């Protein structure tokens, strides 16, 4: 199970893996606008023989600024949804205009501070959108093929560059992404081992090694590319850069 977006474009299954806020949804949206079929946004299962893609997320997590660049998708939301996005955008702007507010401590101020961040909309649940609401019938069901791998990464400098990379290198990077995603579980496990030093869990202890082996096997021979881009960026530029490699 990878932190990855995925879609089918012109008959090819595309996996967009990466770190949090690295550009996965940003690549998904312009490809969807170009006629792709949605598989998953946040999480994609990779596996099988031959390796394929399975979407497990029942929501698409789309940010306010992304929808502003995709007016056709924004228009498909319920009438109140864009208004709620605008409300939180105005709140964030107003929050930043109050001197010293961010330095105040206490539960009410902590709540306000969290709402003021980009993730505030996710906390309110207003960016969690059923895929069919936005993408209509362009939602893939069942197994999708795995034909291309993209790894979006933040990069300094203007412009977006697409660079070939060994698929095994992507696999090794994603092992660390997975370790980060289960950091809370790992911390709890270390506390457990402190209390019970003789009671090890082999699944947790060897998770990284197993994931690396499985991902390297699944990715072997699949064309892979790093997509190095600034952030934020016009979403169309990601499509223009990556589409020729699909």
C-alpha atoms as a PDB file:
ATOM      1  CA  UNK A   1       0.000   0.000   0.000  1.00  0.00           C
ATOM      2  CA  UNK A   2       1.725   3.139  -1.233  1.00  0.00           C
ATOM      3  CA  UNK A   3       1.185   6.822  -0.595  1.00  0.00           C
ATOM      4  CA  UNK A   4       0.447   7.350  -4.279  1.00  0.00           C
ATOM      5  CA  UNK A   5      -2.061   8.634  -6.786  1.00  0.00           C
ATOM      6  CA  UNK A   6      -2.904   6.490  -9.792  1.00  0.00           C
ATOM      7  CA  UNK A   7      -4.915   6.663 -12.988  1.00  0.00           C
ATOM      8  CA  UNK A   8      -5.298   5.040 -16.394  1.00  0.00           C
ATOM      9  CA  UNK A   9      -4.321   7.276 -19.309  1.00  0.00           C
ATOM     10  CA  UNK A  10      -4.735   6.122 -22.904  1.00  0.00           C
ATOM     11  CA  UNK A  11      -4.906   2.532 -21.764  1.00  0.00           C
ATOM     12  CA  UNK A  12      -1.793   2.678 -19.572  1.00  0.00           C
ATOM     13  CA  UNK A  13      -1.830   2.450 -15.790  1.00  0.00           C
ATOM     14  CA  UNK A  14       0.173   5.252 -14.202  1.00  0.00           C
ATOM     15  CA  UNK A  15       1.425   5.300 -10.604  1.00  0.00           C
ATOM     16  CA  UNK A  16       2.404   8.679  -9.126  1.00  0.00           C
ATOM     17  CA  UNK A  17       4.264   7.934  -5.896  1.00  0.00           C
ATOM     18  CA  UNK A  18       5.983  10.314  -3.511  1.00  0.00           C
ATOM     19  CA  UNK A  19       6.207  12.156  -0.227  1.00  0.00           C
ATOM     20  CA  UNK A  20       3.394  14.130   1.371  1.00  0.00           C
ATOM     21  CA  UNK A  21       2.574  17.276  -0.639  1.00  0.00           C
ATOM     22  CA  UNK A  22       5.145  16.271  -3.247  1.00  0.00           C
ATOM     23  CA  UNK A  23       2.846  16.727  -6.229  1.00  0.00           C
ATOM     24  CA  UNK A  24       0.802  13.509  -6.530  1.00  0.00           C
ATOM     25  CA  UNK A  25      -2.652  15.079  -6.667  1.00  0.00           C
ATOM     26  CA  UNK A  26      -1.199  17.948  -8.682  1.00  0.00           C
ATOM     27  CA  UNK A  27      -0.263  15.436 -11.391  1.00  0.00           C
ATOM     28  CA  UNK A  28      -3.510  13.499 -11.110  1.00  0.00           C
ATOM     29  CA  UNK A  29      -5.811  16.456 -11.767  1.00  0.00           C
ATOM     30  CA  UNK A  30      -4.484  17.677 -15.133  1.00  0.00           C
ATOM     31  CA  UNK A  31      -4.355  14.098 -16.422  1.00  0.00           C
ATOM     32  CA  UNK A  32      -7.977  13.673 -15.335  1.00  0.00           C
ATOM     33  CA  UNK A  33      -8.829  16.868 -17.228  1.00  0.00           C
ATOM     34  CA  UNK A  34      -7.180  15.277 -20.291  1.00  0.00           C
ATOM     35  CA  UNK A  35      -9.470  12.229 -20.136  1.00  0.00           C
ATOM     36  CA  UNK A  36      -7.761   9.814 -17.739  1.00  0.00           C
ATOM     37  CA  UNK A  37      -9.685   7.395 -15.516  1.00  0.00           C
ATOM     38  CA  UNK A  38      -9.272   7.807 -11.767  1.00  0.00           C
ATOM     39  CA  UNK A  39      -7.907   4.877  -9.748  1.00  0.00           C
ATOM     40  CA  UNK A  40      -6.841   6.488  -6.444  1.00  0.00           C
ATOM     41  CA  UNK A  41      -5.670   9.746  -4.922  1.00  0.00           C
ATOM     42  CA  UNK A  42      -4.053   9.192  -1.528  1.00  0.00           C
ATOM     43  CA  UNK A  43      -3.376   5.446  -1.392  1.00  0.00           C
ATOM     44  CA  UNK A  44      -2.789   2.808  -4.057  1.00  0.00           C
ATOM     45  CA  UNK A  45      -2.185  -0.905  -3.564  1.00  0.00           C
ATOM     46  CA  UNK A  46       0.523  -2.338  -5.849  1.00  0.00           C
ATOM     47  CA  UNK A  47       0.710  -6.084  -6.288  1.00  0.00           C
ATOM     48  CA  UNK A  48      -0.260  -9.195  -8.172  1.00  0.00           C
ATOM     49  CA  UNK A  49       1.298 -11.136 -11.027  1.00  0.00           C
ATOM     50  CA  UNK A  50       1.739  -9.277 -13.257  1.00  0.00           C
ATOM     51  CA  UNK A  51       1.846  -6.256 -10.929  1.00  0.00           C
ATOM     52  CA  UNK A  52      -1.228  -4.050 -11.056  1.00  0.00           C
ATOM     53  CA  UNK A  53      -2.858  -1.114  -9.279  1.00  0.00           C
ATOM     54  CA  UNK A  54      -5.845  -1.106  -6.951  1.00  0.00           C
ATOM     55  CA  UNK A  55      -7.404   2.052  -5.531  1.00  0.00           C
ATOM     56  CA  UNK A  56      -8.630   1.906  -1.948  1.00  0.00           C
ATOM     57  CA  UNK A  57      -9.555   5.534  -1.272  1.00  0.00           C
ATOM     58  CA  UNK A  58     -13.231   6.455  -1.471  1.00  0.00           C
ATOM     59  CA  UNK A  59     -12.480  10.184  -1.494  1.00  0.00           C
ATOM     60  CA  UNK A  60     -10.322  12.556  -3.500  1.00  0.00           C
ATOM     61  CA  UNK A  61      -8.448  15.139  -1.445  1.00  0.00           C
ATOM     62  CA  UNK A  62      -8.403  18.322  -3.483  1.00  0.00           C
ATOM     63  CA  UNK A  63      -7.186  21.675  -2.214  1.00  0.00           C
ATOM     64  CA  UNK A  64      -8.773  25.052  -2.749  1.00  0.00           C
ATOM     65  CA  UNK A  65      -5.901  26.377  -4.901  1.00  0.00           C
ATOM     66  CA  UNK A  66      -6.025  23.265  -7.087  1.00  0.00           C
ATOM     67  CA  UNK A  67      -9.724  23.729  -7.758  1.00  0.00           C
ATOM     68  CA  UNK A  68      -9.118  27.350  -8.721  1.00  0.00           C
ATOM     69  CA  UNK A  69      -6.929  26.033 -11.535  1.00  0.00           C
ATOM     70  CA  UNK A  70      -9.528  23.433 -12.521  1.00  0.00           C
ATOM     71  CA  UNK A  71     -12.793  25.385 -12.877  1.00  0.00           C
ATOM     72  CA  UNK A  72     -14.533  22.544 -14.737  1.00  0.00           C
ATOM     73  CA  UNK A  73     -14.030  20.244 -11.754  1.00  0.00           C
ATOM     74  CA  UNK A  74     -14.976  22.964  -9.278  1.00  0.00           C
ATOM     75  CA  UNK A  75     -18.247  23.528 -11.135  1.00  0.00           C
ATOM     76  CA  UNK A  76     -19.253  19.904 -10.545  1.00  0.00           C
ATOM     77  CA  UNK A  77     -19.196  20.226  -6.768  1.00  0.00           C
ATOM     78  CA  UNK A  78     -22.289  20.874  -4.728  1.00  0.00           C
ATOM     79  CA  UNK A  79     -23.324  24.533  -4.721  1.00  0.00           C
ATOM     80  CA  UNK A  80     -22.129  25.090  -1.170  1.00  0.00           C
ATOM     81  CA  UNK A  81     -18.737  23.425  -1.553  1.00  0.00           C
ATOM     82  CA  UNK A  82     -16.894  26.261  -3.381  1.00  0.00           C
ATOM     83  CA  UNK A  83     -18.409  28.762  -0.944  1.00  0.00           C
ATOM     84  CA  UNK A  84     -16.992  26.800   1.971  1.00  0.00           C
ATOM     85  CA  UNK A  85     -13.569  26.805   0.315  1.00  0.00           C
ATOM     86  CA  UNK A  86     -13.785  30.572  -0.131  1.00  0.00           C
ATOM     87  CA  UNK A  87     -14.829  31.022   3.501  1.00  0.00           C
ATOM     88  CA  UNK A  88     -11.744  29.211   4.797  1.00  0.00           C
ATOM     89  CA  UNK A  89      -9.511  31.041   2.341  1.00  0.00           C
ATOM     90  CA  UNK A  90     -10.774  34.399   3.686  1.00  0.00           C
ATOM     91  CA  UNK A  91     -10.297  33.150   7.244  1.00  0.00           C
ATOM     92  CA  UNK A  92      -6.670  32.202   6.565  1.00  0.00           C
ATOM     93  CA  UNK A  93      -5.967  35.621   5.075  1.00  0.00           C
ATOM     94  CA  UNK A  94      -7.592  37.386   8.018  1.00  0.00           C
ATOM     95  CA  UNK A  95      -5.704  35.242  10.519  1.00  0.00           C
ATOM     96  CA  UNK A  96      -2.395  36.281   9.011  1.00  0.00           C
ATOM     97  CA  UNK A  97      -3.308  39.954   9.259  1.00  0.00           C
ATOM     98  CA  UNK A  98      -3.712  39.955  13.068  1.00  0.00           C
ATOM     99  CA  UNK A  99      -0.326  40.763  14.670  1.00  0.00           C
ATOM    100  CA  UNK A 100       0.858  38.279  17.288  1.00  0.00           C
ATOM    101  CA  UNK A 101      -2.125  35.943  16.989  1.00  0.00           C
ATOM    102  CA  UNK A 102       0.024  33.009  15.869  1.00  0.00           C
ATOM    103  CA  UNK A 103       2.133  33.276  19.035  1.00  0.00           C
ATOM    104  CA  UNK A 104      -0.755  32.932  21.488  1.00  0.00           C
ATOM    105  CA  UNK A 105      -1.141  29.579  23.225  1.00  0.00           C
ATOM    106  CA  UNK A 106      -4.141  27.699  24.554  1.00  0.00           C
ATOM    107  CA  UNK A 107      -6.732  25.401  23.018  1.00  0.00           C
ATOM    108  CA  UNK A 108      -8.812  28.091  21.220  1.00  0.00           C
ATOM    109  CA  UNK A 109      -5.689  29.609  19.673  1.00  0.00           C
ATOM    110  CA  UNK A 110      -4.347  26.168  18.738  1.00  0.00           C
ATOM    111  CA  UNK A 111      -7.595  25.467  16.880  1.00  0.00           C
ATOM    112  CA  UNK A 112      -7.418  28.785  15.064  1.00  0.00           C
ATOM    113  CA  UNK A 113      -3.789  28.181  14.143  1.00  0.00           C
ATOM    114  CA  UNK A 114      -4.566  24.765  12.688  1.00  0.00           C
ATOM    115  CA  UNK A 115      -7.467  26.149  10.700  1.00  0.00           C
ATOM    116  CA  UNK A 116      -5.215  28.832   9.264  1.00  0.00           C
ATOM    117  CA  UNK A 117      -2.877  26.293   7.691  1.00  0.00           C
ATOM    118  CA  UNK A 118      -3.371  24.602   4.343  1.00  0.00           C
ATOM    119  CA  UNK A 119      -4.442  21.464   6.163  1.00  0.00           C
ATOM    120  CA  UNK A 120      -7.232  23.312   7.937  1.00  0.00           C
ATOM    121  CA  UNK A 121      -9.659  22.492   5.161  1.00  0.00           C
ATOM    122  CA  UNK A 122      -8.830  18.794   5.483  1.00  0.00           C
ATOM    123  CA  UNK A 123      -9.429  19.014   9.240  1.00  0.00           C
ATOM    124  CA  UNK A 124     -12.892  20.381   8.520  1.00  0.00           C
ATOM    125  CA  UNK A 125     -13.501  17.619   6.001  1.00  0.00           C
ATOM    126  CA  UNK A 126     -14.384  19.974   3.156  1.00  0.00           C
ATOM    127  CA  UNK A 127     -11.694  18.767   0.785  1.00  0.00           C
ATOM    128  CA  UNK A 128     -12.686  15.091   0.973  1.00  0.00           C
ATOM    129  CA  UNK A 129     -14.716  14.695  -2.190  1.00  0.00           C
ATOM    130  CA  UNK A 130     -16.210  11.474  -3.635  1.00  0.00           C
ATOM    131  CA  UNK A 131     -14.366  10.900  -6.930  1.00  0.00           C
ATOM    132  CA  UNK A 132     -17.517  10.457  -9.003  1.00  0.00           C
ATOM    133  CA  UNK A 133     -18.707  13.897  -7.925  1.00  0.00           C
ATOM    134  CA  UNK A 134     -15.674  15.474  -9.592  1.00  0.00           C
ATOM    135  CA  UNK A 135     -14.741  12.978 -12.297  1.00  0.00           C
ATOM    136  CA  UNK A 136     -18.120  11.548 -13.262  1.00  0.00           C
ATOM    137  CA  UNK A 137     -17.871   8.222 -15.076  1.00  0.00           C
ATOM    138  CA  UNK A 138     -14.080   8.476 -15.397  1.00  0.00           C
ATOM    139  CA  UNK A 139     -13.523   6.318 -12.294  1.00  0.00           C
ATOM    140  CA  UNK A 140     -11.764   2.997 -12.825  1.00  0.00           C
ATOM    141  CA  UNK A 141     -13.106  -0.056 -11.018  1.00  0.00           C
ATOM    142  CA  UNK A 142     -11.094  -3.167 -10.232  1.00  0.00           C
ATOM    143  CA  UNK A 143      -7.480  -3.850 -11.103  1.00  0.00           C
ATOM    144  CA  UNK A 144      -5.586  -1.437 -13.344  1.00  0.00           C
ATOM    145  CA  UNK A 145      -2.315  -2.271 -15.116  1.00  0.00           C
ATOM    146  CA  UNK A 146       1.017  -0.865 -13.971  1.00  0.00           C
ATOM    147  CA  UNK A 147       2.765   0.590 -17.034  1.00  0.00           C
ATOM    148  CA  UNK A 148       4.419   3.827 -15.900  1.00  0.00           C
ATOM    149  CA  UNK A 149       5.826   5.244 -12.657  1.00  0.00           C
ATOM    150  CA  UNK A 150       6.282   8.921 -11.862  1.00  0.00           C
ATOM    151  CA  UNK A 151       7.987  10.314  -8.776  1.00  0.00           C
ATOM    152  CA  UNK A 152       7.195  14.040  -8.391  1.00  0.00           C
ATOM    153  CA  UNK A 153       9.776  15.898  -6.326  1.00  0.00           C
ATOM    154  CA  UNK A 154      10.223  19.517  -5.303  1.00  0.00           C
ATOM    155  CA  UNK A 155      13.191  21.133  -7.012  1.00  0.00           C
ATOM    156  CA  UNK A 156      14.803  24.558  -6.948  1.00  0.00           C
ATOM    157  CA  UNK A 157      14.756  26.712 -10.021  1.00  0.00           C
ATOM    158  CA  UNK A 158      12.096  27.527 -12.587  1.00  0.00           C
ATOM    159  CA  UNK A 159      10.434  25.042 -14.866  1.00  0.00           C
ATOM    160  CA  UNK A 160       9.542  21.371 -14.645  1.00  0.00           C
ATOM    161  CA  UNK A 161      11.962  18.645 -15.706  1.00  0.00           C
ATOM    162  CA  UNK A 162      11.306  14.961 -16.312  1.00  0.00           C
ATOM    163  CA  UNK A 163      14.320  12.736 -15.696  1.00  0.00           C
ATOM    164  CA  UNK A 164      14.510   8.948 -16.247  1.00  0.00           C
ATOM    165  CA  UNK A 165      15.261   6.975 -13.102  1.00  0.00           C
ATOM    166  CA  UNK A 166      15.758   3.327 -12.279  1.00  0.00           C
ATOM    167  CA  UNK A 167      12.456   1.895 -10.987  1.00  0.00           C
ATOM    168  CA  UNK A 168      14.306   0.153  -8.154  1.00  0.00           C
ATOM    169  CA  UNK A 169      15.461   3.589  -6.972  1.00  0.00           C
ATOM    170  CA  UNK A 170      11.833   4.689  -6.728  1.00  0.00           C
ATOM    171  CA  UNK A 171      11.089   1.535  -4.742  1.00  0.00           C
ATOM    172  CA  UNK A 172      13.864   2.294  -2.246  1.00  0.00           C
ATOM    173  CA  UNK A 173      12.665   5.883  -1.833  1.00  0.00           C
ATOM    174  CA  UNK A 174       9.106   4.761  -1.186  1.00  0.00           C
ATOM    175  CA  UNK A 175      10.239   2.405   1.591  1.00  0.00           C
ATOM    176  CA  UNK A 176      11.223   5.505   3.571  1.00  0.00           C
ATOM    177  CA  UNK A 177       7.930   7.205   2.723  1.00  0.00           C
ATOM    178  CA  UNK A 178       6.076   4.195   4.119  1.00  0.00           C
ATOM    179  CA  UNK A 179       8.222   4.241   7.268  1.00  0.00           C
ATOM    180  CA  UNK A 180       7.297   7.890   7.780  1.00  0.00           C
ATOM    181  CA  UNK A 181       3.583   7.160   7.339  1.00  0.00           C
ATOM    182  CA  UNK A 182       3.608   4.583  10.138  1.00  0.00           C
ATOM    183  CA  UNK A 183       5.735   6.660  12.512  1.00  0.00           C
ATOM    184  CA  UNK A 184       3.017   6.634  15.175  1.00  0.00           C
ATOM    185  CA  UNK A 185       2.850   2.822  15.075  1.00  0.00           C
ATOM    186  CA  UNK A 186       6.636   2.588  15.274  1.00  0.00           C
ATOM    187  CA  UNK A 187       6.747   4.905  18.293  1.00  0.00           C
ATOM    188  CA  UNK A 188       4.096   2.844  20.082  1.00  0.00           C
ATOM    189  CA  UNK A 189       6.007  -0.334  19.250  1.00  0.00           C
ATOM    190  CA  UNK A 190       9.227   1.055  20.725  1.00  0.00           C
ATOM    191  CA  UNK A 191       7.357   1.866  23.939  1.00  0.00           C
ATOM    192  CA  UNK A 192       6.013  -1.683  23.956  1.00  0.00           C
ATOM    193  CA  UNK A 193       9.533  -3.114  23.477  1.00  0.00           C
ATOM    194  CA  UNK A 194      10.793  -0.989  26.364  1.00  0.00           C
ATOM    195  CA  UNK A 195       8.132  -2.515  28.598  1.00  0.00           C
ATOM    196  CA  UNK A 196       8.485  -6.042  27.153  1.00  0.00           C
ATOM    197  CA  UNK A 197      12.014  -6.352  25.680  1.00  0.00           C
ATOM    198  CA  UNK A 198      11.616 -10.058  24.938  1.00  0.00           C
ATOM    199  CA  UNK A 199       8.417  -9.732  22.899  1.00  0.00           C
ATOM    200  CA  UNK A 200       9.467  -8.657  19.407  1.00  0.00           C
ATOM    201  CA  UNK A 201       7.119  -8.464  16.436  1.00  0.00           C
ATOM    202  CA  UNK A 202       8.903  -9.788  13.352  1.00  0.00           C
ATOM    203  CA  UNK A 203       6.423  -8.155  10.963  1.00  0.00           C
ATOM    204  CA  UNK A 204       7.177  -4.674  12.299  1.00  0.00           C
ATOM    205  CA  UNK A 205      10.891  -5.372  12.706  1.00  0.00           C
ATOM    206  CA  UNK A 206      11.338  -6.464   9.080  1.00  0.00           C
ATOM    207  CA  UNK A 207       8.686  -4.284   7.397  1.00  0.00           C
ATOM    208  CA  UNK A 208      11.178  -2.109   5.523  1.00  0.00           C
ATOM    209  CA  UNK A 209      13.109  -5.090   4.139  1.00  0.00           C
ATOM    210  CA  UNK A 210       9.927  -6.850   3.010  1.00  0.00           C
ATOM    211  CA  UNK A 211       8.524  -3.692   1.414  1.00  0.00           C
ATOM    212  CA  UNK A 212      11.759  -3.027  -0.439  1.00  0.00           C
ATOM    213  CA  UNK A 213      11.839  -6.554  -1.832  1.00  0.00           C
ATOM    214  CA  UNK A 214       8.191  -6.491  -2.908  1.00  0.00           C
ATOM    215  CA  UNK A 215       8.383  -3.027  -4.483  1.00  0.00           C
ATOM    216  CA  UNK A 216      11.611  -3.731  -6.354  1.00  0.00           C
ATOM    217  CA  UNK A 217       9.996  -6.861  -7.764  1.00  0.00           C
ATOM    218  CA  UNK A 218       6.777  -5.045  -8.725  1.00  0.00           C
ATOM    219  CA  UNK A 219       8.578  -2.085 -10.295  1.00  0.00           C
ATOM    220  CA  UNK A 220      11.237  -4.070 -12.162  1.00  0.00           C
ATOM    221  CA  UNK A 221      11.197  -3.260 -15.867  1.00  0.00           C
ATOM    222  CA  UNK A 222       8.542  -0.511 -15.544  1.00  0.00           C
ATOM    223  CA  UNK A 223       9.587   2.826 -17.135  1.00  0.00           C
ATOM    224  CA  UNK A 224      10.041   5.344 -14.301  1.00  0.00           C
ATOM    225  CA  UNK A 225      10.730   9.077 -14.221  1.00  0.00           C
ATOM    226  CA  UNK A 226      11.319  11.760 -11.628  1.00  0.00           C
ATOM    227  CA  UNK A 227       9.254  14.892 -12.217  1.00  0.00           C
ATOM    228  CA  UNK A 228      11.211  17.753 -10.671  1.00  0.00           C
ATOM    229  CA  UNK A 229       9.060  20.821 -10.195  1.00  0.00           C
ATOM    230  CA  UNK A 230       8.674  24.018  -8.147  1.00  0.00           C
ATOM    231  CA  UNK A 231       5.763  24.368  -5.720  1.00  0.00           C
ATOM    232  CA  UNK A 232       3.141  25.582  -6.186  1.00  0.00           C
ATOM    233  CA  UNK A 233       2.969  25.499  -9.958  1.00  0.00           C
ATOM    234  CA  UNK A 234       0.429  25.727 -12.777  1.00  0.00           C
ATOM    235  CA  UNK A 235      -0.981  22.217 -12.850  1.00  0.00           C
ATOM    236  CA  UNK A 236      -1.050  22.189 -16.627  1.00  0.00           C
ATOM    237  CA  UNK A 237       2.749  22.321 -16.715  1.00  0.00           C
ATOM    238  CA  UNK A 238       2.961  18.931 -14.970  1.00  0.00           C
ATOM    239  CA  UNK A 239       0.750  17.379 -17.630  1.00  0.00           C
ATOM    240  CA  UNK A 240       2.673  19.002 -20.458  1.00  0.00           C
ATOM    241  CA  UNK A 241       5.962  17.731 -19.036  1.00  0.00           C
ATOM    242  CA  UNK A 242       4.885  14.182 -18.129  1.00  0.00           C
ATOM    243  CA  UNK A 243       2.358  13.245 -20.833  1.00  0.00           C
ATOM    244  CA  UNK A 244       5.001  12.541 -23.521  1.00  0.00           C
ATOM    245  CA  UNK A 245       6.452   9.844 -21.242  1.00  0.00           C
ATOM    246  CA  UNK A 246       3.170   7.973 -20.784  1.00  0.00           C
END
